Structures are given as C-alpha cells and as structure tokens.
C-alpha cells in the first residue's frame, strides 16, 4: 500500500469485529500517511469521507482521519492506476 491509494476495511476484519452492517463496511478513504510498525505491517492514516444515509436526512459528514493496520485494509483503487 502507498500514500494516495483508495482503501476500505477488509472483509475478514469486518467479520471478526462483528461490523457487518452500518456505515463502516461501506466506507472508502484515501491513505494520507504510512508509518512502519514491524516488518509485516504498517499503520495507515486514512482520510474517510463518512457517508451516512438516514432516509430523507442523507448527508456526507466532514472527512475523518482514522489510523488502521494495513493488514485490516483492502485496496479499492491504486494511486495512479487510471493515469
């Protein structure tokens, strides 16, 4: 994973944490920072645009930054893949 990649939470992680419904399984964000944790993992800072749909009150909340292990993320779109 690289800074600029578009990511979402991995399905296995969502199942293991019991997050199969709600907003989290549908969130996608962009990696804005990566820090090494060990030789197998990095900690990614991901900026999510939280989509919250509540009927007629659907809106998009301001971007939120979340730290997550890269092993708990899946790439949706690689930075520069469409260039």
Protein backbone atom coordinates (compact mmCIF):
# COMPACT_ATOMS: atom_id res chain seq x y z
CA UNK A 1 0.00 0.00 0.00
CA UNK A 2 1.09 3.52 -0.75
CA UNK A 3 0.05 7.04 0.16
CA UNK A 4 -2.75 8.03 -2.19
CA UNK A 5 -4.25 4.52 -2.53
CA UNK A 6 -8.03 4.35 -2.06
CA UNK A 7 -8.89 1.72 0.57
CA UNK A 8 -11.71 0.16 2.55
CA UNK A 9 -11.76 -2.10 5.58
CA UNK A 10 -11.04 -5.76 4.75
CA UNK A 11 -13.99 -8.17 4.83
CA UNK A 12 -12.23 -10.57 7.21
CA UNK A 13 -11.57 -7.76 9.69
CA UNK A 14 -15.18 -6.58 9.47
CA UNK A 15 -16.49 -10.11 10.11
CA UNK A 16 -14.05 -10.70 13.00
CA UNK A 17 -15.13 -7.47 14.68
CA UNK A 18 -18.86 -8.02 14.02
CA UNK A 19 -19.23 -4.96 11.79
CA UNK A 20 -21.38 -6.36 9.01
CA UNK A 21 -23.97 -3.57 8.91
CA UNK A 22 -23.97 0.17 9.37
CA UNK A 23 -21.58 2.70 7.87
CA UNK A 24 -18.19 1.06 8.39
CA UNK A 25 -18.45 -1.73 5.76
CA UNK A 26 -19.23 0.88 3.09
CA UNK A 27 -16.59 3.47 3.93
CA UNK A 28 -13.82 4.18 1.47
CA UNK A 29 -10.94 6.52 2.07
CA UNK A 30 -7.50 7.60 0.92
CA UNK A 31 -4.23 6.79 2.66
CA UNK A 32 -2.62 10.08 3.67
CA UNK A 33 0.25 8.72 5.80
CA UNK A 34 2.05 5.41 6.44
CA UNK A 35 4.23 4.59 9.42
CA UNK A 36 6.16 1.31 9.87
CA UNK A 37 5.02 -0.90 12.74
CA UNK A 38 7.10 -4.03 12.13
CA UNK A 39 8.45 -5.90 9.11
CA UNK A 40 4.96 -7.17 8.19
CA UNK A 41 2.68 -4.24 8.98
CA UNK A 42 2.35 -0.52 8.69
CA UNK A 43 -0.05 1.88 10.36
CA UNK A 44 -2.01 3.82 7.77
CA UNK A 45 -3.70 7.13 8.42
CA UNK A 46 -6.79 7.02 6.22
CA UNK A 47 -8.98 10.01 5.45
CA UNK A 48 -12.54 8.75 5.15
CA UNK A 49 -15.50 10.63 3.77
CA UNK A 50 -18.15 9.09 6.01
CA UNK A 51 -21.33 8.51 4.06
CA UNK A 52 -24.29 8.43 6.38
CA UNK A 53 -27.62 7.71 4.78
CA UNK A 54 -30.59 8.17 7.06
CA UNK A 55 -33.58 8.37 4.77
CA UNK A 56 -34.50 11.92 3.84
CA UNK A 57 -31.66 13.23 6.04
CA UNK A 58 -28.87 11.67 3.95
CA UNK A 59 -25.67 13.71 4.10
CA UNK A 60 -21.90 13.39 3.92
CA UNK A 61 -20.05 14.22 7.10
CA UNK A 62 -16.74 16.09 7.06
CA UNK A 63 -13.68 13.90 6.33
CA UNK A 64 -12.39 11.93 9.32
CA UNK A 65 -8.85 10.62 9.76
CA UNK A 66 -8.52 7.11 11.20
CA UNK A 67 -5.42 5.02 11.94
CA UNK A 68 -5.58 1.37 10.91
CA UNK A 69 -3.21 -1.53 10.34
CA UNK A 70 -2.63 -2.07 6.63
CA UNK A 71 -3.43 -5.77 7.19
CA UNK A 72 -7.01 -4.69 8.04
CA UNK A 73 -7.44 -2.72 4.80
CA UNK A 74 -8.08 -3.65 1.17
CA UNK A 75 -7.12 -1.53 -1.83
CA UNK A 76 -10.09 -0.27 -3.86
CA UNK A 77 -8.04 1.77 -6.34
CA UNK A 78 -4.29 2.24 -6.58
CA UNK A 79 -2.86 5.73 -6.77
CA UNK A 80 -2.11 6.50 -10.41
CA UNK A 81 -3.83 3.37 -11.76
CA UNK A 82 -6.07 5.43 -14.03
CA UNK A 83 -3.27 7.75 -15.18
